[in-house]
Amino acid sequence: MPRPGELTKGKSNRMVKTPGGRRFVHRKKFYRAGGTCAVTGSQLQLSKSGRHDNLRGASRSARRPNRPYGGVISSRALRRGIIKAARE
């Protein structure tokens, strides 16, 4: 039986295969889904400090990329937008 601190929605049962080849049920923490790009819809590559346990103590620049529209649109979409604006 899991400890009372593990009976939360932040943890769930996961099947883990051990090095000996046996399978066991472990309760693993799962994190919120990463952000999605507002232009392309692809998943953003955010830093791991954007997870629940590190989010409060992390600085703003550690939570998201430090560039224009960082954490909102992907770097590829931003590059396309800058090139498109420069050609106009």
PDB file of N, CA and C in Angstrom:
ATOM      1  N   MET A   1       0.844  -1.180   0.000  1.00  0.00           N
ATOM      2  CA  MET A   1       0.000   0.000   0.000  1.00  0.00           C
ATOM      3  C   MET A   1       0.890   1.244   0.000  1.00  0.00           C
ATOM      4  N   PRO A   2       0.548   2.240  -0.818  1.00  0.00           N
ATOM      5  CA  PRO A   2       1.376   3.440  -0.865  1.00  0.00           C
ATOM      6  C   PRO A   2       1.250   4.258   0.419  1.00  0.00           C
ATOM      7  N   ARG A   3       2.275   5.044   0.653  1.00  0.00           N
ATOM      8  CA  ARG A   3       2.233   5.929   1.810  1.00  0.00           C
ATOM      9  C   ARG A   3       1.191   7.015   1.570  1.00  0.00           C
ATOM     10  N   PRO A   4       0.671   7.632   2.642  1.00  0.00           N
ATOM     11  CA  PRO A   4      -0.348   8.670   2.454  1.00  0.00           C
ATOM     12  C   PRO A   4       0.115   9.832   1.578  1.00  0.00           C
ATOM     13  N   GLY A   5       1.419  10.146   1.620  1.00  0.00           N
ATOM     14  CA  GLY A   5       1.922  11.242   0.799  1.00  0.00           C
ATOM     15  C   GLY A   5       1.945  10.918  -0.682  1.00  0.00           C
ATOM     16  N   GLU A   6       1.812   9.648  -1.029  1.00  0.00           N
ATOM     17  CA  GLU A   6       1.826   9.257  -2.438  1.00  0.00           C
ATOM     18  C   GLU A   6       0.427   9.117  -3.015  1.00  0.00           C
ATOM     19  N   LEU A   7      -0.590   9.255  -2.195  1.00  0.00           N
ATOM     20  CA  LEU A   7      -1.964   9.115  -2.671  1.00  0.00           C
ATOM     21  C   LEU A   7      -2.474  10.461  -3.180  1.00  0.00           C
ATOM     22  N   THR A   8      -1.832  10.989  -4.182  1.00  0.00           N
ATOM     23  CA  THR A   8      -2.235  12.256  -4.767  1.00  0.00           C
ATOM     24  C   THR A   8      -2.433  12.055  -6.261  1.00  0.00           C
ATOM     25  N   LYS A   9      -3.044  13.025  -6.885  1.00  0.00           N
ATOM     26  CA  LYS A   9      -3.244  12.933  -8.331  1.00  0.00           C
ATOM     27  C   LYS A   9      -1.963  13.255  -9.089  1.00  0.00           C
ATOM     28  N   GLY A  10      -0.943  13.775  -8.382  1.00  0.00           N
ATOM     29  CA  GLY A  10       0.321  14.092  -9.025  1.00  0.00           C
ATOM     30  C   GLY A  10       1.174  12.863  -9.266  1.00  0.00           C
ATOM     31  N   LYS A  11       0.754  11.728  -8.725  1.00  0.00           N
ATOM     32  CA  LYS A  11       1.502  10.483  -8.928  1.00  0.00           C
ATOM     33  C   LYS A  11       0.542   9.443  -9.473  1.00  0.00           C
ATOM     34  N   SER A  12       1.048   8.533 -10.259  1.00  0.00           N
ATOM     35  CA  SER A  12       0.183   7.501 -10.791  1.00  0.00           C
ATOM     36  C   SER A  12       0.951   6.201 -10.880  1.00  0.00           C
ATOM     37  N   ASN A  13       0.224   5.099 -11.021  1.00  0.00           N
ATOM     38  CA  ASN A  13       0.848   3.789 -11.126  1.00  0.00           C
ATOM     39  C   ASN A  13       1.493   3.645 -12.494  1.00  0.00           C
ATOM     40  N   ARG A  14       2.762   3.268 -12.509  1.00  0.00           N
ATOM     41  CA  ARG A  14       3.470   3.032 -13.756  1.00  0.00           C
ATOM     42  C   ARG A  14       4.132   1.669 -13.668  1.00  0.00           C
ATOM     43  N   MET A  15       4.070   0.909 -14.744  1.00  0.00           N
ATOM     44  CA  MET A  15       4.763  -0.368 -14.796  1.00  0.00           C
ATOM     45  C   MET A  15       6.233  -0.086 -15.120  1.00  0.00           C
ATOM     46  N   VAL A  16       7.132  -0.578 -14.273  1.00  0.00           N
ATOM     47  CA  VAL A  16       8.561  -0.354 -14.434  1.00  0.00           C
ATOM     48  C   VAL A  16       9.235  -1.699 -14.600  1.00  0.00           C
ATOM     49  N   LYS A  17      10.064  -1.817 -15.636  1.00  0.00           N
ATOM     50  CA  LYS A  17      10.804  -3.044 -15.859  1.00  0.00           C
ATOM     51  C   LYS A  17      12.182  -2.891 -15.216  1.00  0.00           C
ATOM     52  N   THR A  18      12.495  -3.769 -14.291  1.00  0.00           N
ATOM     53  CA  THR A  18      13.751  -3.688 -13.561  1.00  0.00           C
ATOM     54  C   THR A  18      14.875  -4.299 -14.387  1.00  0.00           C
ATOM     55  N   PRO A  19      16.125  -4.058 -14.007  1.00  0.00           N
ATOM     56  CA  PRO A  19      17.241  -4.650 -14.752  1.00  0.00           C
ATOM     57  C   PRO A  19      17.229  -6.173 -14.755  1.00  0.00           C
ATOM     58  N   GLY A  20      16.591  -6.783 -13.771  1.00  0.00           N
ATOM     59  CA  GLY A  20      16.504  -8.239 -13.734  1.00  0.00           C
ATOM     60  C   GLY A  20      15.449  -8.798 -14.662  1.00  0.00           C
ATOM     61  N   GLY A  21      14.679  -7.946 -15.314  1.00  0.00           N
ATOM     62  CA  GLY A  21      13.674  -8.388 -16.268  1.00  0.00           C
ATOM     63  C   GLY A  21      12.275  -8.513 -15.690  1.00  0.00           C
ATOM     64  N   ARG A  22      12.121  -8.286 -14.381  1.00  0.00           N
ATOM     65  CA  ARG A  22      10.798  -8.383 -13.774  1.00  0.00           C
ATOM     66  C   ARG A  22      10.086  -7.040 -13.874  1.00  0.00           C
ATOM     67  N   ARG A  23       8.767  -7.092 -13.831  1.00  0.00           N
ATOM     68  CA  ARG A  23       7.968  -5.875 -13.917  1.00  0.00           C
ATOM     69  C   ARG A  23       7.308  -5.611 -12.580  1.00  0.00           C
ATOM     70  N   PHE A  24       7.378  -4.374 -12.128  1.00  0.00           N
ATOM     71  CA  PHE A  24       6.785  -3.974 -10.870  1.00  0.00           C
ATOM     72  C   PHE A  24       5.972  -2.714 -11.086  1.00  0.00           C
ATOM     73  N   VAL A  25       5.053  -2.464 -10.158  1.00  0.00           N
ATOM     74  CA  VAL A  25       4.273  -1.236 -10.198  1.00  0.00           C
ATOM     75  C   VAL A  25       4.957  -0.221  -9.299  1.00  0.00           C
ATOM     76  N   HIS A  26       5.368   0.905  -9.862  1.00  0.00           N
ATOM     77  CA  HIS A  26       5.916   2.009  -9.093  1.00  0.00           C
ATOM     78  C   HIS A  26       4.967   3.184  -9.228  1.00  0.00           C
ATOM     79  N   ARG A  27       4.927   3.988  -8.190  1.00  0.00           N
ATOM     80  CA  ARG A  27       4.141   5.214  -8.272  1.00  0.00           C
ATOM     81  C   ARG A  27       5.104   6.323  -8.658  1.00  0.00           C
ATOM     82  N   LYS A  28       4.938   6.847  -9.864  1.00  0.00           N
ATOM     83  CA  LYS A  28       5.842   7.867 -10.364  1.00  0.00           C
ATOM     84  C   LYS A  28       5.113   9.193 -10.489  1.00  0.00           C
ATOM     85  N   LYS A  29       5.865  10.247 -10.259  1.00  0.00           N
ATOM     86  CA  LYS A  29       5.325  11.586 -10.406  1.00  0.00           C
ATOM     87  C   LYS A  29       5.254  11.924 -11.889  1.00  0.00           C
ATOM     88  N   PHE A  30       4.162  12.510 -12.318  1.00  0.00           N
ATOM     89  CA  PHE A  30       4.099  12.977 -13.691  1.00  0.00           C
ATOM     90  C   PHE A  30       3.857  14.475 -13.678  1.00  0.00           C
ATOM     91  N   TYR A  31       4.356  15.145 -14.677  1.00  0.00           N
ATOM     92  CA  TYR A  31       4.389  16.590 -14.702  1.00  0.00           C
ATOM     93  C   TYR A  31       3.362  17.115 -15.700  1.00  0.00           C
ATOM     94  N   ARG A  32       3.124  18.397 -15.602  1.00  0.00           N
ATOM     95  CA  ARG A  32       2.165  19.009 -16.522  1.00  0.00           C
ATOM     96  C   ARG A  32       2.729  18.934 -17.938  1.00  0.00           C
ATOM     97  N   ALA A  33       1.856  18.981 -18.894  1.00  0.00           N
ATOM     98  CA  ALA A  33       2.291  18.918 -20.281  1.00  0.00           C
ATOM     99  C   ALA A  33       3.041  20.196 -20.636  1.00  0.00           C
ATOM    100  N   GLY A  34       4.043  20.069 -21.489  1.00  0.00           N
ATOM    101  CA  GLY A  34       4.769  21.247 -21.934  1.00  0.00           C
ATOM    102  C   GLY A  34       3.893  22.120 -22.809  1.00  0.00           C
ATOM    103  N   GLY A  35       4.315  23.327 -23.062  1.00  0.00           N
ATOM    104  CA  GLY A  35       3.530  24.241 -23.855  1.00  0.00           C
ATOM    105  C   GLY A  35       3.514  23.870 -25.329  1.00  0.00           C
ATOM    106  N   THR A  36       2.550  24.424 -26.032  1.00  0.00           N
ATOM    107  CA  THR A  36       2.470  24.221 -27.472  1.00  0.00           C
ATOM    108  C   THR A  36       2.617  25.566 -28.164  1.00  0.00           C
ATOM    109  N   CYS A  37       3.199  25.544 -29.343  1.00  0.00           N
ATOM    110  CA  CYS A  37       3.412  26.757 -30.118  1.00  0.00           C
ATOM    111  C   CYS A  37       2.070  27.300 -30.597  1.00  0.00           C
ATOM    112  N   ALA A  38       1.884  28.609 -30.479  1.00  0.00           N
ATOM    113  CA  ALA A  38       0.627  29.225 -30.892  1.00  0.00           C
ATOM    114  C   ALA A  38       0.490  29.299 -32.407  1.00  0.00           C
ATOM    115  N   VAL A  39       1.603  29.218 -33.141  1.00  0.00           N
ATOM    116  CA  VAL A  39       1.565  29.335 -34.596  1.00  0.00           C
ATOM    117  C   VAL A  39       1.511  27.962 -35.254  1.00  0.00           C
ATOM    118  N   THR A  40       2.470  27.100 -34.904  1.00  0.00           N
ATOM    119  CA  THR A  40       2.570  25.806 -35.578  1.00  0.00           C
ATOM    120  C   THR A  40       1.857  24.682 -34.846  1.00  0.00           C
ATOM    121  N   GLY A  41       1.611  24.843 -33.550  1.00  0.00           N
ATOM    122  CA  GLY A  41       0.962  23.787 -32.783  1.00  0.00           C
ATOM    123  C   GLY A  41       1.912  22.705 -32.309  1.00  0.00           C
ATOM    124  N   SER A  42       3.209  22.845 -32.592  1.00  0.00           N
ATOM    125  CA  SER A  42       4.180  21.854 -32.144  1.00  0.00           C
ATOM    126  C   SER A  42       4.492  22.066 -30.669  1.00  0.00           C
ATOM    127  N   GLN A  43       5.073  21.047 -30.047  1.00  0.00           N
ATOM    128  CA  GLN A  43       5.380  21.135 -28.627  1.00  0.00           C
ATOM    129  C   GLN A  43       6.639  21.953 -28.408  1.00  0.00           C
ATOM    130  N   LEU A  44       6.589  22.867 -27.426  1.00  0.00           N
ATOM    131  CA  LEU A  44       7.735  23.702 -27.115  1.00  0.00           C
ATOM    132  C   LEU A  44       8.745  22.921 -26.291  1.00  0.00           C
ATOM    133  N   GLN A  45      10.006  23.231 -26.479  1.00  0.00           N
ATOM    134  CA  GLN A  45      11.057  22.595 -25.687  1.00  0.00           C
ATOM    135  C   GLN A  45      11.383  23.516 -24.526  1.00  0.00           C
ATOM    136  N   LEU A  46      10.601  23.381 -23.448  1.00  0.00           N
ATOM    137  CA  LEU A  46      10.805  24.204 -22.271  1.00  0.00           C
ATOM    138  C   LEU A  46      11.803  23.535 -21.348  1.00  0.00           C
ATOM    139  N   SER A  47      12.407  24.322 -20.482  1.00  0.00           N
ATOM    140  CA  SER A  47      13.393  23.770 -19.555  1.00  0.00           C
ATOM    141  C   SER A  47      12.709  22.908 -18.511  1.00  0.00           C
ATOM    142  N   LYS A  48      13.476  22.031 -17.902  1.00  0.00           N
ATOM    143  CA  LYS A  48      12.926  21.145 -16.900  1.00  0.00           C
ATOM    144  C   LYS A  48      12.615  21.878 -15.600  1.00  0.00           C
ATOM    145  N   SER A  49      13.119  23.101 -15.446  1.00  0.00           N
ATOM    146  CA  SER A  49      12.780  23.859 -14.251  1.00  0.00           C
ATOM    147  C   SER A  49      11.376  24.416 -14.334  1.00  0.00           C
ATOM    148  N   GLY A  50      10.704  24.232 -15.461  1.00  0.00           N
ATOM    149  CA  GLY A  50       9.319  24.646 -15.582  1.00  0.00           C
ATOM    150  C   GLY A  50       8.355  23.634 -15.015  1.00  0.00           C
ATOM    151  N   ARG A  51       8.868  22.548 -14.417  1.00  0.00           N
ATOM    152  CA  ARG A  51       8.011  21.545 -13.813  1.00  0.00           C
ATOM    153  C   ARG A  51       7.442  22.051 -12.495  1.00  0.00           C
ATOM    154  N   HIS A  52       6.469  21.318 -11.970  1.00  0.00           N
ATOM    155  CA  HIS A  52       5.751  21.759 -10.775  1.00  0.00           C
ATOM    156  C   HIS A  52       6.673  22.045  -9.599  1.00  0.00           C
ATOM    157  N   ASP A  53       7.585  21.119  -9.293  1.00  0.00           N
ATOM    158  CA  ASP A  53       8.351  21.277  -8.064  1.00  0.00           C
ATOM    159  C   ASP A  53       9.388  22.381  -8.154  1.00  0.00           C
ATOM    160  N   ASN A  54       9.856  22.723  -9.328  1.00  0.00           N
ATOM    161  CA  ASN A  54      10.880  23.752  -9.469  1.00  0.00           C
ATOM    162  C   ASN A  54      10.325  25.097  -9.916  1.00  0.00           C
ATOM    163  N   LEU A  55       9.053  25.156 -10.225  1.00  0.00           N
ATOM    164  CA  LEU A  55       8.498  26.359 -10.836  1.00  0.00           C
ATOM    165  C   LEU A  55       8.505  27.546  -9.883  1.00  0.00           C
ATOM    166  N   ARG A  56       8.222  27.327  -8.617  1.00  0.00           N
ATOM    167  CA  ARG A  56       8.094  28.450  -7.692  1.00  0.00           C
ATOM    168  C   ARG A  56       9.435  29.111  -7.403  1.00  0.00           C
ATOM    169  N   GLY A  57      10.478  28.320  -7.274  1.00  0.00           N
ATOM    170  CA  GLY A  57      11.768  28.889  -6.917  1.00  0.00           C
ATOM    171  C   GLY A  57      12.576  29.366  -8.101  1.00  0.00           C
ATOM    172  N   ALA A  58      12.172  29.001  -9.308  1.00  0.00           N
ATOM    173  CA  ALA A  58      12.970  29.341 -10.485  1.00  0.00           C
ATOM    174  C   ALA A  58      12.730  30.784 -10.903  1.00  0.00           C
ATOM    175  N   SER A  59      13.765  31.387 -11.472  1.00  0.00           N
ATOM    176  CA  SER A  59      13.619  32.741 -11.976  1.00  0.00           C
ATOM    177  C   SER A  59      12.809  32.720 -13.271  1.00  0.00           C
ATOM    178  N   ARG A  60      12.397  33.874 -13.707  1.00  0.00           N
ATOM    179  CA  ARG A  60      11.552  33.942 -14.899  1.00  0.00           C
ATOM    180  C   ARG A  60      12.308  33.489 -16.141  1.00  0.00           C
ATOM    181  N   SER A  61      13.596  33.826 -16.210  1.00  0.00           N
ATOM    182  CA  SER A  61      14.369  33.426 -17.373  1.00  0.00           C
ATOM    183  C   SER A  61      14.671  31.932 -17.367  1.00  0.00           C
ATOM    184  N   ALA A  62      14.587  31.292 -16.210  1.00  0.00           N
ATOM    185  CA  ALA A  62      14.819  29.854 -16.143  1.00  0.00           C
ATOM    186  C   ALA A  62      13.576  29.072 -16.534  1.00  0.00           C
ATOM    187  N   ARG A  63      12.415  29.694 -16.438  1.00  0.00           N
ATOM    188  CA  ARG A  63      11.171  28.988 -16.755  1.00  0.00           C
ATOM    189  C   ARG A  63      10.902  28.910 -18.246  1.00  0.00           C
ATOM    190  N   ARG A  64      11.396  29.886 -18.980  1.00  0.00           N
ATOM    191  CA  ARG A  64      11.092  29.933 -20.408  1.00  0.00           C
ATOM    192  C   ARG A  64      12.296  30.480 -21.147  1.00  0.00           C
ATOM    193  N   PRO A  65      12.359  30.290 -22.476  1.00  0.00           N
ATOM    194  CA  PRO A  65      13.488  30.826 -23.244  1.00  0.00           C
ATOM    195  C   PRO A  65      13.518  32.350 -23.181  1.00  0.00           C
ATOM    196  N   ASN A  66      14.694  32.889 -23.102  1.00  0.00           N
ATOM    197  CA  ASN A  66      14.865  34.333 -22.960  1.00  0.00           C
ATOM    198  C   ASN A  66      15.038  34.957 -24.339  1.00  0.00           C
ATOM    199  N   ARG A  67      13.947  35.053 -25.067  1.00  0.00           N
ATOM    200  CA  ARG A  67      13.937  35.675 -26.387  1.00  0.00           C
ATOM    201  C   ARG A  67      12.532  36.240 -26.608  1.00  0.00           C
ATOM    202  N   PRO A  68      12.332  37.048 -27.636  1.00  0.00           N
ATOM    203  CA  PRO A  68      10.979  37.557 -27.889  1.00  0.00           C
ATOM    204  C   PRO A  68      10.001  36.417 -28.111  1.00  0.00           C
ATOM    205  N   TYR A  69       8.840  36.512 -27.522  1.00  0.00           N
ATOM    206  CA  TYR A  69       7.779  35.495 -27.573  1.00  0.00           C
ATOM    207  C   TYR A  69       8.252  34.158 -27.012  1.00  0.00           C
ATOM    208  N   GLY A  70       9.230  34.176 -26.111  1.00  0.00           N
ATOM    209  CA  GLY A  70       9.743  32.947 -25.524  1.00  0.00           C
ATOM    210  C   GLY A  70       8.688  32.262 -24.681  1.00  0.00           C
ATOM    211  N   GLY A  71       8.509  30.972 -24.892  1.00  0.00           N
ATOM    212  CA  GLY A  71       7.500  30.220 -24.169  1.00  0.00           C
ATOM    213  C   GLY A  71       6.128  30.301 -24.794  1.00  0.00           C
ATOM    214  N   VAL A  72       5.973  31.052 -25.880  1.00  0.00           N
ATOM    215  CA  VAL A  72       4.680  31.181 -26.550  1.00  0.00           C
ATOM    216  C   VAL A  72       4.733  30.562 -27.939  1.00  0.00           C
ATOM    217  N   ILE A  73       5.739  30.961 -28.732  1.00  0.00           N
ATOM    218  CA  ILE A  73       5.900  30.351 -30.049  1.00  0.00           C
ATOM    219  C   ILE A  73       7.286  29.711 -30.137  1.00  0.00           C
ATOM    220  N   SER A  74       7.407  28.746 -31.018  1.00  0.00           N
ATOM    221  CA  SER A  74       8.658  28.003 -31.138  1.00  0.00           C
ATOM    222  C   SER A  74       9.713  28.855 -31.831  1.00  0.00           C
ATOM    223  N   SER A  75      10.963  28.425 -31.704  1.00  0.00           N
ATOM    224  CA  SER A  75      12.051  29.184 -32.307  1.00  0.00           C
ATOM    225  C   SER A  75      11.956  29.160 -33.828  1.00  0.00           C
ATOM    226  N   ARG A  76      11.470  28.067 -34.385  1.00  0.00           N
ATOM    227  CA  ARG A  76      11.330  27.968 -35.842  1.00  0.00           C
ATOM    228  C   ARG A  76      10.278  28.954 -36.357  1.00  0.00           C
ATOM    229  N   ALA A  77       9.152  29.066 -35.642  1.00  0.00           N
ATOM    230  CA  ALA A  77       8.110  30.006 -36.055  1.00  0.00           C
ATOM    231  C   ALA A  77       8.574  31.445 -35.890  1.00  0.00           C
ATOM    232  N   LEU A  78       9.340  31.714 -34.830  1.00  0.00           N
ATOM    233  CA  LEU A  78       9.868  33.060 -34.632  1.00  0.00           C
ATOM    234  C   LEU A  78      10.846  33.429 -35.734  1.00  0.00           C
ATOM    235  N   ARG A  79      11.700  32.480 -36.127  1.00  0.00           N
ATOM    236  CA  ARG A  79      12.668  32.726 -37.194  1.00  0.00           C
ATOM    237  C   ARG A  79      11.944  33.043 -38.503  1.00  0.00           C
ATOM    238  N   ARG A  80      10.888  32.255 -38.795  1.00  0.00           N
ATOM    239  CA  ARG A  80      10.122  32.514 -40.018  1.00  0.00           C
ATOM    240  C   ARG A  80       9.465  33.896 -39.985  1.00  0.00           C
ATOM    241  N   GLY A  81       8.944  34.289 -38.809  1.00  0.00           N
ATOM    242  CA  GLY A  81       8.285  35.588 -38.680  1.00  0.00           C
ATOM    243  C   GLY A  81       9.244  36.750 -38.854  1.00  0.00           C
ATOM    244  N   ILE A  82      10.450  36.615 -38.308  1.00  0.00           N
ATOM    245  CA  ILE A  82      11.443  37.686 -38.442  1.00  0.00           C
ATOM    246  C   ILE A  82      11.891  37.819 -39.892  1.00  0.00           C
ATOM    247  N   ILE A  83      12.115  36.700 -40.551  1.00  0.00           N
ATOM    248  CA  ILE A  83      12.534  36.745 -41.959  1.00  0.00           C
ATOM    249  C   ILE A  83      11.418  37.344 -42.825  1.00  0.00           C
ATOM    250  N   LYS A  84      10.175  36.967 -42.534  1.00  0.00           N
ATOM    251  CA  LYS A  84       9.049  37.478 -43.313  1.00  0.00           C
ATOM    252  C   LYS A  84       8.896  38.989 -43.124  1.00  0.00           C
ATOM    253  N   ALA A  85       9.081  39.471 -41.865  1.00  0.00           N
ATOM    254  CA  ALA A  85       8.965  40.915 -41.604  1.00  0.00           C
ATOM    255  C   ALA A  85      10.110  41.687 -42.242  1.00  0.00           C
ATOM    256  N   ALA A  86      11.310  41.093 -42.311  1.00  0.00           N
ATOM    257  CA  ALA A  86      12.444  41.786 -42.906  1.00  0.00           C
ATOM    258  C   ALA A  86      12.315  41.891 -44.421  1.00  0.00           C
ATOM    259  N   ARG A  87      11.633  40.949 -45.038  1.00  0.00           N
ATOM    260  CA  ARG A  87      11.480  40.968 -46.495  1.00  0.00           C
ATOM    261  C   ARG A  87      10.392  41.933 -46.948  1.00  0.00           C
ATOM    262  N   GLU A  88       9.538  42.353 -46.050  1.00  0.00           N
ATOM    263  CA  GLU A  88       8.464  43.287 -46.445  1.00  0.00           C
ATOM    264  C   GLU A  88       8.946  44.707 -46.552  1.00  0.00           C
TER     265      GLU A  88
END
